[in-house]
Amino acid sequence: MKLRKFSIDDASLERSPGQEADIFVGNLVDERDGGPITIGYGRYAPHQSLAETMAVDDVMIILEGRVTVSTEAGAVVAGPGDIVHMPTGESVTIRTNEEGALTAYVTYPHWRPAHT
């Protein structure tokens, strides 16, 4: 792998796999690149909700807007500059408010093979 820099304009956003909500993701680095992690962007429309049991360790960096991430143990509200770690096996619900959100993510291992 070589040194690379990315922006949201580099991402080809598609609906999040298995979801009907207006949540779109775009991988920039994944299993096809030969590295151990997936890196990408996520765009959440306003008032969306995503419930999932994490198949991978996921680190989400909030770039714009706000998200609420809930588990059985409680909830956190995260805004621009905040980082949320969702470990493998954790059942989470990610919700946006009227702003929606733009996020960046890093997963280990790759999330796409974990969902197939």
C-alpha atoms as a PDB file:
ATOM      1  CA  MET A   1       0.000   0.000   0.000  1.00  0.00           C
ATOM      2  CA  LYS A   2       1.100   3.556  -0.603  1.00  0.00           C
ATOM      3  CA  LEU A   3       0.459   6.853   1.142  1.00  0.00           C
ATOM      4  CA  ARG A   4      -2.946   8.239   0.166  1.00  0.00           C
ATOM      5  CA  LYS A   5      -5.145  11.193   1.128  1.00  0.00           C
ATOM      6  CA  PHE A   6      -8.940  11.180   0.830  1.00  0.00           C
ATOM      7  CA  SER A   7     -11.861  13.605   0.930  1.00  0.00           C
ATOM      8  CA  ILE A   8     -15.612  13.022   0.801  1.00  0.00           C
ATOM      9  CA  ASP A   9     -15.482  13.797  -2.931  1.00  0.00           C
ATOM     10  CA  ASP A  10     -13.436  10.604  -3.428  1.00  0.00           C
ATOM     11  CA  ALA A  11     -16.162   8.382  -1.962  1.00  0.00           C
ATOM     12  CA  SER A  12     -18.773   6.677  -4.097  1.00  0.00           C
ATOM     13  CA  LEU A  13     -21.635   6.536  -1.599  1.00  0.00           C
ATOM     14  CA  GLU A  14     -24.150   3.677  -1.750  1.00  0.00           C
ATOM     15  CA  ARG A  15     -26.961   2.618   0.566  1.00  0.00           C
ATOM     16  CA  SER A  16     -25.649   0.891   3.664  1.00  0.00           C
ATOM     17  CA  PRO A  17     -25.878  -2.905   3.086  1.00  0.00           C
ATOM     18  CA  GLY A  18     -29.062  -4.504   4.380  1.00  0.00           C
ATOM     19  CA  GLN A  19     -30.626  -1.153   5.324  1.00  0.00           C
ATOM     20  CA  GLU A  20     -33.620   0.747   3.976  1.00  0.00           C
ATOM     21  CA  ALA A  21     -32.818   3.984   5.794  1.00  0.00           C
ATOM     22  CA  ASP A  22     -31.265   6.978   4.031  1.00  0.00           C
ATOM     23  CA  ILE A  23     -27.784   6.016   5.199  1.00  0.00           C
ATOM     24  CA  PHE A  24     -25.020   5.803   2.632  1.00  0.00           C
ATOM     25  CA  VAL A  25     -21.431   4.571   2.910  1.00  0.00           C
ATOM     26  CA  GLY A  26     -18.411   4.733   0.651  1.00  0.00           C
ATOM     27  CA  ASN A  27     -15.306   2.673   1.261  1.00  0.00           C
ATOM     28  CA  LEU A  28     -12.026   4.246   0.211  1.00  0.00           C
ATOM     29  CA  VAL A  29      -9.773   1.448   1.483  1.00  0.00           C
ATOM     30  CA  ASP A  30     -11.034  -2.091   1.980  1.00  0.00           C
ATOM     31  CA  GLU A  31     -10.207  -5.776   1.492  1.00  0.00           C
ATOM     32  CA  ARG A  32      -9.405  -5.146  -2.172  1.00  0.00           C
ATOM     33  CA  ASP A  33      -6.424  -2.981  -1.168  1.00  0.00           C
ATOM     34  CA  GLY A  34      -4.659  -5.708   0.798  1.00  0.00           C
ATOM     35  CA  GLY A  35      -4.535  -3.878   4.140  1.00  0.00           C
ATOM     36  CA  PRO A  36      -6.144  -5.007   7.416  1.00  0.00           C
ATOM     37  CA  ILE A  37      -8.748  -2.211   7.778  1.00  0.00           C
ATOM     38  CA  THR A  38     -11.644  -0.553   5.991  1.00  0.00           C
ATOM     39  CA  ILE A  39     -11.724   3.264   5.782  1.00  0.00           C
ATOM     40  CA  GLY A  40     -14.580   5.322   4.410  1.00  0.00           C
ATOM     41  CA  TYR A  41     -17.282   7.942   4.804  1.00  0.00           C
ATOM     42  CA  GLY A  42     -20.892   7.670   5.889  1.00  0.00           C
ATOM     43  CA  ARG A  43     -23.712  10.111   5.185  1.00  0.00           C
ATOM     44  CA  TYR A  44     -26.846   9.936   7.335  1.00  0.00           C
ATOM     45  CA  ALA A  45     -29.955  11.858   6.274  1.00  0.00           C
ATOM     46  CA  PRO A  46     -31.966  13.643   8.998  1.00  0.00           C
ATOM     47  CA  HIS A  47     -34.051  11.505  11.373  1.00  0.00           C
ATOM     48  CA  GLN A  48     -32.552   8.150  10.405  1.00  0.00           C
ATOM     49  CA  SER A  49     -31.972   5.084  12.555  1.00  0.00           C
ATOM     50  CA  LEU A  50     -29.644   2.114  12.079  1.00  0.00           C
ATOM     51  CA  ALA A  51     -29.767  -0.866  14.468  1.00  0.00           C
ATOM     52  CA  GLU A  52     -26.991  -3.427  14.192  1.00  0.00           C
ATOM     53  CA  THR A  53     -24.932  -5.932  16.127  1.00  0.00           C
ATOM     54  CA  MET A  54     -21.366  -5.025  15.274  1.00  0.00           C
ATOM     55  CA  ALA A  55     -19.637  -7.712  13.188  1.00  0.00           C
ATOM     56  CA  VAL A  56     -16.336  -5.771  13.371  1.00  0.00           C
ATOM     57  CA  ASP A  57     -14.700  -3.169  15.593  1.00  0.00           C
ATOM     58  CA  ASP A  58     -15.900   0.166  14.219  1.00  0.00           C
ATOM     59  CA  VAL A  59     -14.486   3.613  14.951  1.00  0.00           C
ATOM     60  CA  MET A  60     -16.780   6.435  13.779  1.00  0.00           C
ATOM     61  CA  ILE A  61     -15.534  10.034  13.607  1.00  0.00           C
ATOM     62  CA  ILE A  62     -18.291  12.640  13.414  1.00  0.00           C
ATOM     63  CA  LEU A  63     -17.413  15.357  10.872  1.00  0.00           C
ATOM     64  CA  GLU A  64     -20.752  17.194  10.606  1.00  0.00           C
ATOM     65  CA  GLY A  65     -24.063  17.003  12.439  1.00  0.00           C
ATOM     66  CA  ARG A  66     -24.819  14.831  15.461  1.00  0.00           C
ATOM     67  CA  VAL A  67     -25.512  11.163  16.142  1.00  0.00           C
ATOM     68  CA  THR A  68     -26.833   9.357  19.187  1.00  0.00           C
ATOM     69  CA  VAL A  69     -25.406   5.870  19.656  1.00  0.00           C
ATOM     70  CA  SER A  70     -27.373   3.687  22.078  1.00  0.00           C
ATOM     71  CA  THR A  71     -26.639   0.292  23.629  1.00  0.00           C
ATOM     72  CA  GLU A  72     -28.187  -1.635  26.517  1.00  0.00           C
ATOM     73  CA  ALA A  73     -25.685   0.146  28.784  1.00  0.00           C
ATOM     74  CA  GLY A  74     -26.725   3.672  27.771  1.00  0.00           C
ATOM     75  CA  ALA A  75     -26.305   6.280  25.057  1.00  0.00           C
ATOM     76  CA  VAL A  76     -23.783   8.842  23.888  1.00  0.00           C
ATOM     77  CA  VAL A  77     -24.397  11.929  21.768  1.00  0.00           C
ATOM     78  CA  ALA A  78     -21.508  12.760  19.456  1.00  0.00           C
ATOM     79  CA  GLY A  79     -20.886  15.832  17.322  1.00  0.00           C
ATOM     80  CA  PRO A  80     -18.141  17.254  15.111  1.00  0.00           C
ATOM     81  CA  GLY A  81     -14.705  16.114  16.255  1.00  0.00           C
ATOM     82  CA  ASP A  82     -16.043  13.321  18.481  1.00  0.00           C
ATOM     83  CA  ILE A  83     -15.037   9.684  18.047  1.00  0.00           C
ATOM     84  CA  VAL A  84     -17.260   6.708  18.926  1.00  0.00           C
ATOM     85  CA  HIS A  85     -15.881   3.166  19.261  1.00  0.00           C
ATOM     86  CA  MET A  86     -18.369   0.327  18.729  1.00  0.00           C
ATOM     87  CA  PRO A  87     -16.697  -3.006  19.554  1.00  0.00           C
ATOM     88  CA  THR A  88     -17.389  -6.329  17.870  1.00  0.00           C
ATOM     89  CA  GLY A  89     -20.500  -7.988  19.275  1.00  0.00           C
ATOM     90  CA  GLU A  90     -22.064  -4.780  20.674  1.00  0.00           C
ATOM     91  CA  SER A  91     -25.707  -4.185  19.691  1.00  0.00           C
ATOM     92  CA  VAL A  92     -26.024  -0.501  18.780  1.00  0.00           C
ATOM     93  CA  THR A  93     -28.620   1.866  17.441  1.00  0.00           C
ATOM     94  CA  ILE A  94     -27.312   4.950  15.638  1.00  0.00           C
ATOM     95  CA  ARG A  95     -29.794   7.818  15.262  1.00  0.00           C
ATOM     96  CA  THR A  96     -29.560  11.225  13.638  1.00  0.00           C
ATOM     97  CA  ASN A  97     -31.603  14.318  14.433  1.00  0.00           C
ATOM     98  CA  GLU A  98     -32.811  17.079  12.117  1.00  0.00           C
ATOM     99  CA  GLU A  99     -29.238  17.806  10.968  1.00  0.00           C
ATOM    100  CA  GLY A 100     -28.280  14.378   9.708  1.00  0.00           C
ATOM    101  CA  ALA A 101     -24.562  13.599   9.871  1.00  0.00           C
ATOM    102  CA  LEU A 102     -21.379  13.080   7.898  1.00  0.00           C
ATOM    103  CA  THR A 103     -18.967  10.576   9.422  1.00  0.00           C
ATOM    104  CA  ALA A 104     -15.692   8.884   8.648  1.00  0.00           C
ATOM    105  CA  TYR A 105     -15.080   5.321   9.759  1.00  0.00           C
ATOM    106  CA  VAL A 106     -12.333   2.794  10.276  1.00  0.00           C
ATOM    107  CA  THR A 107     -13.164  -0.868  10.855  1.00  0.00           C
ATOM    108  CA  TYR A 108     -11.090  -3.875  11.778  1.00  0.00           C
ATOM    109  CA  PRO A 109     -11.294  -6.275  10.146  1.00  0.00           C
ATOM    110  CA  HIS A 110     -13.095  -5.374   6.934  1.00  0.00           C
ATOM    111  CA  TRP A 111     -16.844  -4.949   7.415  1.00  0.00           C
ATOM    112  CA  ARG A 112     -17.984  -6.049   3.966  1.00  0.00           C
ATOM    113  CA  PRO A 113     -16.703  -9.661   4.279  1.00  0.00           C
ATOM    114  CA  ALA A 114     -18.105  -9.791   7.825  1.00  0.00           C
ATOM    115  CA  HIS A 115     -21.626  -9.166   6.424  1.00  0.00           C
ATOM    116  CA  THR A 116     -21.493 -11.811   3.698  1.00  0.00           C
END
